[in-house]
Each structure stands twice: as structure tokens, then as C-alpha cells.
């Protein structure tokens, strides 16, 4: 996946808020619901980030509609490539295509299972599909 942050060029303030605020993400047929758990009433701070061509294209928040640089919700999705990648894969599946797994030119991370107990595989092995939690 191509990093989208350089094309966004978010202001430093927006980038910092996208990093430290307590966002929760939910996949929605190729888009992402972003909920800001930093507020007392998180449901009032929940917005839909629309993904187009692998990039957080727009957000339903008032800040995205009223300003030129991307909002913190779009940046929060852009700086989390795993969330963005899953949203893109979900859109492919929702559109009737086939999700491609393992052909994204990335290499599998090395096994770190020996550092854990025998009953628990490392995340790298789970993510790569070499092991699962039920083994």
C-alpha cells in the first residue's frame, strides 16, 4: 500500500491530534467510522471517513467540510495503514471482487514466538497466517 500522508500535508496540530486522541475505528463496507473516545459523550463525536482509491477522501465532520487541509479523522485513518488496508479490502469484497491477500509486495515479519509461552503465538505469525490462536 502506498502511504497517503505526504499527499495530505496536514498541519502539525492536526497530525498531533490524529496521533494522541483516543480514536476507535469501525469498518463500514469500505469506509471507516471514527469515534473520538476522548470526549465525555463519544457518540456525539462519531464521523464517517469515506475511502476512495485507497485514500481517506472525505469525512462527515464539520471541520472537513469547512477547511482545505484534511481533518484529524481523515489523518487518523491515513496514519494507520492497517485500518486503511482493511477498509480497501472490505470495499473490494463488498463490490463483489476478491480480496487479495499476501500479494502487496510486503514481506512477512519474522517469527517471535520463542519469546512467548508455547501456548501463545506472536502477532507476526498470526498476521501472516502461519499460526492462529486456537493452535
C-alpha atoms as a PDB file:
ATOM      1  CA  UNK A   1       0.000   0.000   0.000  1.00  0.00           C
ATOM      2  CA  UNK A   2       1.254   3.492  -0.852  1.00  0.00           C
ATOM      3  CA  UNK A   3       1.496   5.876   2.111  1.00  0.00           C
ATOM      4  CA  UNK A   4      -1.063   8.672   1.711  1.00  0.00           C
ATOM      5  CA  UNK A   5       0.202  11.083   4.342  1.00  0.00           C
ATOM      6  CA  UNK A   6       2.646  13.024   2.120  1.00  0.00           C
ATOM      7  CA  UNK A   7      -0.132  13.944  -0.311  1.00  0.00           C
ATOM      8  CA  UNK A   8      -2.288  15.138   2.591  1.00  0.00           C
ATOM      9  CA  UNK A   9       0.306  17.519   4.058  1.00  0.00           C
ATOM     10  CA  UNK A  10      -1.671  18.003   7.295  1.00  0.00           C
ATOM     11  CA  UNK A  11      -0.821  20.858   9.655  1.00  0.00           C
ATOM     12  CA  UNK A  12       1.280  19.774  12.658  1.00  0.00           C
ATOM     13  CA  UNK A  13      -1.615  20.459  15.052  1.00  0.00           C
ATOM     14  CA  UNK A  14      -3.924  18.125  13.094  1.00  0.00           C
ATOM     15  CA  UNK A  15      -1.261  15.415  12.843  1.00  0.00           C
ATOM     16  CA  UNK A  16      -0.603  15.510  16.592  1.00  0.00           C
ATOM     17  CA  UNK A  17      -4.307  15.306  17.423  1.00  0.00           C
ATOM     18  CA  UNK A  18      -4.722  12.396  14.993  1.00  0.00           C
ATOM     19  CA  UNK A  19      -1.967  10.595  16.894  1.00  0.00           C
ATOM     20  CA  UNK A  20      -2.889  11.192  20.535  1.00  0.00           C
ATOM     21  CA  UNK A  21      -6.677  11.398  20.656  1.00  0.00           C
ATOM     22  CA  UNK A  22      -8.451   8.167  21.643  1.00  0.00           C
ATOM     23  CA  UNK A  23      -9.992   7.149  18.331  1.00  0.00           C
ATOM     24  CA  UNK A  24     -11.983   3.955  17.848  1.00  0.00           C
ATOM     25  CA  UNK A  25     -12.403   2.637  14.308  1.00  0.00           C
ATOM     26  CA  UNK A  26     -15.177   0.568  12.756  1.00  0.00           C
ATOM     27  CA  UNK A  27     -15.142  -0.733   9.186  1.00  0.00           C
ATOM     28  CA  UNK A  28     -18.269   0.047   7.144  1.00  0.00           C
ATOM     29  CA  UNK A  29     -18.338  -1.601   3.696  1.00  0.00           C
ATOM     30  CA  UNK A  30     -15.059   0.024   2.682  1.00  0.00           C
ATOM     31  CA  UNK A  31     -15.408   3.223   4.674  1.00  0.00           C
ATOM     32  CA  UNK A  32     -14.374   3.813   8.292  1.00  0.00           C
ATOM     33  CA  UNK A  33     -16.425   5.114  11.209  1.00  0.00           C
ATOM     34  CA  UNK A  34     -14.152   7.115  13.504  1.00  0.00           C
ATOM     35  CA  UNK A  35     -15.342   7.679  17.061  1.00  0.00           C
ATOM     36  CA  UNK A  36     -13.430  10.008  19.360  1.00  0.00           C
ATOM     37  CA  UNK A  37     -13.434   8.367  22.785  1.00  0.00           C
ATOM     38  CA  UNK A  38     -11.595  11.389  24.268  1.00  0.00           C
ATOM     39  CA  UNK A  39     -14.911  13.164  24.859  1.00  0.00           C
ATOM     40  CA  UNK A  40     -17.445  12.612  27.657  1.00  0.00           C
ATOM     41  CA  UNK A  41     -20.084  11.799  25.009  1.00  0.00           C
ATOM     42  CA  UNK A  42     -18.190   9.903  22.280  1.00  0.00           C
ATOM     43  CA  UNK A  43     -21.365   9.201  20.265  1.00  0.00           C
ATOM     44  CA  UNK A  44     -21.620  12.924  19.544  1.00  0.00           C
ATOM     45  CA  UNK A  45     -18.112  12.790  18.053  1.00  0.00           C
ATOM     46  CA  UNK A  46     -18.544   9.978  15.549  1.00  0.00           C
ATOM     47  CA  UNK A  47     -17.951  10.539  11.834  1.00  0.00           C
ATOM     48  CA  UNK A  48     -17.695   8.535   8.616  1.00  0.00           C
ATOM     49  CA  UNK A  49     -14.443   8.735   6.665  1.00  0.00           C
ATOM     50  CA  UNK A  50     -15.005   7.776   3.037  1.00  0.00           C
ATOM     51  CA  UNK A  51     -12.195   5.859   1.354  1.00  0.00           C
ATOM     52  CA  UNK A  52     -11.678   6.370  -2.384  1.00  0.00           C
ATOM     53  CA  UNK A  53      -8.833   4.755  -4.343  1.00  0.00           C
ATOM     54  CA  UNK A  54      -7.100   3.759  -1.097  1.00  0.00           C
ATOM     55  CA  UNK A  55      -7.112   7.305   0.316  1.00  0.00           C
ATOM     56  CA  UNK A  56      -9.268   8.845   3.065  1.00  0.00           C
ATOM     57  CA  UNK A  57     -11.158  11.095   0.651  1.00  0.00           C
ATOM     58  CA  UNK A  58     -13.715  12.894   2.818  1.00  0.00           C
ATOM     59  CA  UNK A  59     -15.217  12.983   6.292  1.00  0.00           C
ATOM     60  CA  UNK A  60     -18.686  13.781   7.554  1.00  0.00           C
ATOM     61  CA  UNK A  61     -17.329  16.095  10.292  1.00  0.00           C
ATOM     62  CA  UNK A  62     -17.874  19.874  10.127  1.00  0.00           C
ATOM     63  CA  UNK A  63     -14.117  20.587  10.082  1.00  0.00           C
ATOM     64  CA  UNK A  64     -13.567  18.613   6.882  1.00  0.00           C
ATOM     65  CA  UNK A  65     -16.347  20.463   5.089  1.00  0.00           C
ATOM     66  CA  UNK A  66     -15.131  23.898   6.155  1.00  0.00           C
ATOM     67  CA  UNK A  67     -11.364  23.697   5.655  1.00  0.00           C
ATOM     68  CA  UNK A  68      -8.851  22.832   2.957  1.00  0.00           C
ATOM     69  CA  UNK A  69      -6.403  20.595   4.834  1.00  0.00           C
ATOM     70  CA  UNK A  70      -7.711  17.169   5.840  1.00  0.00           C
ATOM     71  CA  UNK A  71      -9.454  16.836   9.189  1.00  0.00           C
ATOM     72  CA  UNK A  72      -7.967  14.873  12.097  1.00  0.00           C
ATOM     73  CA  UNK A  73     -10.305  11.944  11.386  1.00  0.00           C
ATOM     74  CA  UNK A  74      -9.004  11.506   7.830  1.00  0.00           C
ATOM     75  CA  UNK A  75      -5.420  11.864   9.051  1.00  0.00           C
ATOM     76  CA  UNK A  76      -6.080   9.353  11.865  1.00  0.00           C
ATOM     77  CA  UNK A  77      -7.114   6.769   9.270  1.00  0.00           C
ATOM     78  CA  UNK A  78      -4.224   7.686   6.927  1.00  0.00           C
ATOM     79  CA  UNK A  79      -1.561   7.178   9.623  1.00  0.00           C
ATOM     80  CA  UNK A  80      -2.929   3.741  10.473  1.00  0.00           C
ATOM     81  CA  UNK A  81      -2.130   1.722   7.349  1.00  0.00           C
ATOM     82  CA  UNK A  82      -3.640  -1.485   8.720  1.00  0.00           C
ATOM     83  CA  UNK A  83      -7.055   0.203   9.153  1.00  0.00           C
ATOM     84  CA  UNK A  84      -6.806   1.759   5.698  1.00  0.00           C
ATOM     85  CA  UNK A  85      -5.738  -1.527   4.098  1.00  0.00           C
ATOM     86  CA  UNK A  86      -8.616  -3.416   5.732  1.00  0.00           C
ATOM     87  CA  UNK A  87     -11.101  -0.777   4.546  1.00  0.00           C
ATOM     88  CA  UNK A  88      -9.809  -1.111   0.982  1.00  0.00           C
ATOM     89  CA  UNK A  89     -10.007  -4.913   1.153  1.00  0.00           C
ATOM     90  CA  UNK A  90     -13.538  -4.694   2.562  1.00  0.00           C
ATOM     91  CA  UNK A  91     -14.620  -2.441  -0.314  1.00  0.00           C
ATOM     92  CA  UNK A  92     -13.242  -4.950  -2.834  1.00  0.00           C
ATOM     93  CA  UNK A  93     -15.211  -7.743  -1.180  1.00  0.00           C
ATOM     94  CA  UNK A  94     -18.364  -5.592  -0.829  1.00  0.00           C
ATOM     95  CA  UNK A  95     -18.119  -4.679  -4.521  1.00  0.00           C
ATOM     96  CA  UNK A  96     -18.093  -8.375  -5.442  1.00  0.00           C
ATOM     97  CA  UNK A  97     -14.383  -8.620  -6.132  1.00  0.00           C
ATOM     98  CA  UNK A  98     -11.855 -10.840  -4.482  1.00  0.00           C
ATOM     99  CA  UNK A  99      -9.695  -9.530  -1.687  1.00  0.00           C
ATOM    100  CA  UNK A 100      -6.047 -10.102  -2.497  1.00  0.00           C
ATOM    101  CA  UNK A 101      -4.058 -11.336   0.425  1.00  0.00           C
ATOM    102  CA  UNK A 102      -0.291 -11.548   0.507  1.00  0.00           C
ATOM    103  CA  UNK A 103       0.437 -10.002  -2.894  1.00  0.00           C
ATOM    104  CA  UNK A 104       1.047  -6.454  -1.703  1.00  0.00           C
ATOM    105  CA  UNK A 105       4.851  -6.635  -2.088  1.00  0.00           C
ATOM    106  CA  UNK A 106       5.383  -6.637   1.669  1.00  0.00           C
ATOM    107  CA  UNK A 107       7.498  -9.229   3.378  1.00  0.00           C
ATOM    108  CA  UNK A 108       6.309 -11.217   6.364  1.00  0.00           C
ATOM    109  CA  UNK A 109       7.771 -10.115   9.650  1.00  0.00           C
ATOM    110  CA  UNK A 110       9.983 -12.701  11.373  1.00  0.00           C
ATOM    111  CA  UNK A 111       8.622 -15.122  13.939  1.00  0.00           C
ATOM    112  CA  UNK A 112       8.998 -14.013  17.553  1.00  0.00           C
ATOM    113  CA  UNK A 113       7.170 -16.975  19.108  1.00  0.00           C
ATOM    114  CA  UNK A 114      10.210 -18.174  21.060  1.00  0.00           C
ATOM    115  CA  UNK A 115       9.963 -15.041  23.220  1.00  0.00           C
ATOM    116  CA  UNK A 116       6.454 -16.044  24.327  1.00  0.00           C
ATOM    117  CA  UNK A 117       4.999 -19.074  26.069  1.00  0.00           C
ATOM    118  CA  UNK A 118       4.471 -22.182  23.924  1.00  0.00           C
ATOM    119  CA  UNK A 119       0.689 -21.719  24.056  1.00  0.00           C
ATOM    120  CA  UNK A 120       0.756 -18.178  22.607  1.00  0.00           C
ATOM    121  CA  UNK A 121       1.950 -17.364  19.066  1.00  0.00           C
ATOM    122  CA  UNK A 122       3.456 -13.971  18.246  1.00  0.00           C
ATOM    123  CA  UNK A 123       1.434 -11.366  16.356  1.00  0.00           C
ATOM    124  CA  UNK A 124       3.711 -11.629  13.306  1.00  0.00           C
ATOM    125  CA  UNK A 125       2.792 -15.320  12.874  1.00  0.00           C
ATOM    126  CA  UNK A 126      -0.919 -14.652  13.409  1.00  0.00           C
ATOM    127  CA  UNK A 127      -0.925 -11.727  10.955  1.00  0.00           C
ATOM    128  CA  UNK A 128       0.973 -13.707   8.290  1.00  0.00           C
ATOM    129  CA  UNK A 129      -1.333 -16.728   8.753  1.00  0.00           C
ATOM    130  CA  UNK A 130       1.483 -19.036   9.886  1.00  0.00           C
ATOM    131  CA  UNK A 131      -0.276 -19.761  13.207  1.00  0.00           C
ATOM    132  CA  UNK A 132      -3.574 -18.944  14.863  1.00  0.00           C
ATOM    133  CA  UNK A 133      -4.722 -18.550  18.443  1.00  0.00           C
ATOM    134  CA  UNK A 134      -6.508 -21.891  18.523  1.00  0.00           C
ATOM    135  CA  UNK A 135      -3.338 -23.943  17.909  1.00  0.00           C
END
